[in-house]
Amino acid sequence: DQGAKIRGHRVHLEEVEEAFLSFDNVNGAVSTVVGEEEHTHVRLMLEGDISEHDISDFSRRCQELLPPFIRPERIEAMAQFPRLSSGKVDRKAVQAMLKLSC
């Protein structure tokens, strides 16, 4: 379970990720929560052949899919996520990248 509390709301980050997995060219999604208290927000990393134009389009479309408090304030993309030796996505590494990005 990837639960988090954002501005008083209990959310599951899987909801954010699942919303974006339905978009073209998105092969994977990892989200994380950054900030503290009233400045808490979601950041999202997408995996796939995704352009800046795609990201803008995804941001507009997520307004219809997600409540305001869990809409990502920042969306980034990379061709391929780092993987563990088991072949699974290294979620901790992706989340660390999101927390470091400004």
Protein backbone atom coordinates (compact mmCIF):
# COMPACT_ATOMS: atom_id res chain seq x y z
CA ASP A 1 0.00 0.00 0.00
CA GLN A 2 1.35 3.40 -1.00
CA GLY A 3 -0.90 5.54 1.14
CA ALA A 4 -0.17 9.16 1.91
CA LYS A 5 -1.89 12.14 3.46
CA ILE A 6 -2.16 15.21 1.25
CA ARG A 7 -3.74 18.39 2.61
CA GLY A 8 -5.91 16.41 5.01
CA HIS A 9 -6.96 13.76 2.49
CA ARG A 10 -5.87 10.13 2.71
CA VAL A 11 -4.85 9.04 -0.80
CA HIS A 12 -3.44 5.98 -2.51
CA LEU A 13 -0.70 6.85 -4.97
CA GLU A 14 -1.68 3.85 -7.09
CA GLU A 15 -4.77 5.85 -8.14
CA VAL A 16 -2.54 8.52 -9.67
CA GLU A 17 -0.35 5.96 -11.41
CA GLU A 18 -3.29 3.95 -12.77
CA ALA A 19 -4.89 7.09 -14.26
CA PHE A 20 -1.77 7.75 -16.33
CA LEU A 21 -1.21 4.14 -17.40
CA SER A 22 -4.27 4.46 -19.65
CA PHE A 23 -2.54 7.11 -21.80
CA ASP A 24 -0.76 6.33 -25.09
CA ASN A 25 3.00 5.72 -24.92
CA VAL A 26 2.97 5.28 -21.11
CA ASN A 27 4.55 1.96 -20.12
CA GLY A 28 4.90 2.66 -16.42
CA ALA A 29 4.22 5.24 -13.73
CA VAL A 30 5.72 5.94 -10.30
CA SER A 31 4.50 8.70 -8.00
CA THR A 32 5.67 10.11 -4.70
CA VAL A 33 4.65 12.80 -2.23
CA VAL A 34 6.94 15.76 -1.56
CA GLY A 35 6.69 18.72 0.78
CA GLU A 36 5.27 19.12 4.24
CA GLU A 37 1.86 19.89 5.72
CA GLU A 38 -0.14 22.32 3.54
CA HIS A 39 2.64 22.34 0.91
CA THR A 40 2.41 18.61 0.23
CA HIS A 41 1.93 17.56 -3.37
CA VAL A 42 2.35 14.67 -5.78
CA ARG A 43 5.09 14.26 -8.35
CA LEU A 44 4.95 11.65 -11.08
CA MET A 45 7.51 9.92 -13.32
CA LEU A 46 6.29 8.21 -16.47
CA GLU A 47 8.11 5.53 -18.43
CA GLY A 48 7.93 5.45 -22.22
CA ASP A 49 8.47 7.42 -25.40
CA ILE A 50 6.83 10.56 -24.05
CA SER A 51 7.31 14.11 -25.36
CA GLU A 52 6.84 17.43 -23.58
CA HIS A 53 3.67 17.86 -25.66
CA ASP A 54 2.40 14.50 -24.33
CA ILE A 55 3.08 15.60 -20.76
CA SER A 56 1.09 18.82 -21.30
CA ASP A 57 -1.76 16.80 -22.77
CA PHE A 58 -1.65 14.30 -19.89
CA SER A 59 -1.76 17.16 -17.36
CA ARG A 60 -4.91 18.57 -18.96
CA ARG A 61 -6.57 15.16 -19.18
CA CYS A 62 -5.81 14.28 -15.54
CA GLN A 63 -7.99 17.21 -14.45
CA GLU A 64 -10.96 15.10 -15.53
CA LEU A 65 -9.68 11.93 -13.89
CA LEU A 66 -8.27 12.99 -10.52
CA PRO A 67 -9.40 15.21 -7.66
CA PRO A 68 -7.37 18.42 -7.30
CA PHE A 69 -5.45 17.35 -4.20
CA ILE A 70 -3.85 14.33 -5.93
CA ARG A 71 -3.17 15.82 -9.35
CA PRO A 72 0.59 15.80 -9.91
CA GLU A 73 2.14 19.24 -9.63
CA ARG A 74 5.08 17.96 -11.68
CA ILE A 75 5.24 15.24 -14.32
CA GLU A 76 8.50 13.97 -15.76
CA ALA A 77 9.31 11.18 -18.18
CA MET A 78 12.16 8.82 -18.92
CA ALA A 79 12.57 6.15 -21.58
CA GLN A 80 13.07 3.33 -19.09
CA PHE A 81 12.87 3.04 -15.31
CA PRO A 82 15.80 1.64 -13.36
CA ARG A 83 15.23 -2.03 -12.50
CA LEU A 84 16.17 -4.29 -9.64
CA SER A 85 18.03 -7.53 -10.34
CA SER A 86 14.62 -9.25 -10.25
CA GLY A 87 13.49 -7.14 -13.21
CA LYS A 88 10.98 -5.14 -11.16
CA VAL A 89 10.95 -1.35 -11.24
CA ASP A 90 13.23 0.17 -8.62
CA ARG A 91 10.49 2.39 -7.16
CA LYS A 92 12.77 3.81 -4.48
CA ALA A 93 15.29 5.00 -7.08
CA VAL A 94 12.57 6.63 -9.21
CA GLN A 95 10.99 8.26 -6.16
CA ALA A 96 14.41 9.60 -5.11
CA MET A 97 14.82 11.17 -8.57
CA LEU A 98 11.44 12.85 -8.23
CA LYS A 99 12.26 14.24 -4.80
CA LEU A 100 15.55 15.69 -6.08
CA SER A 101 14.08 17.37 -9.16
CA CYS A 102 13.11 21.00 -8.83
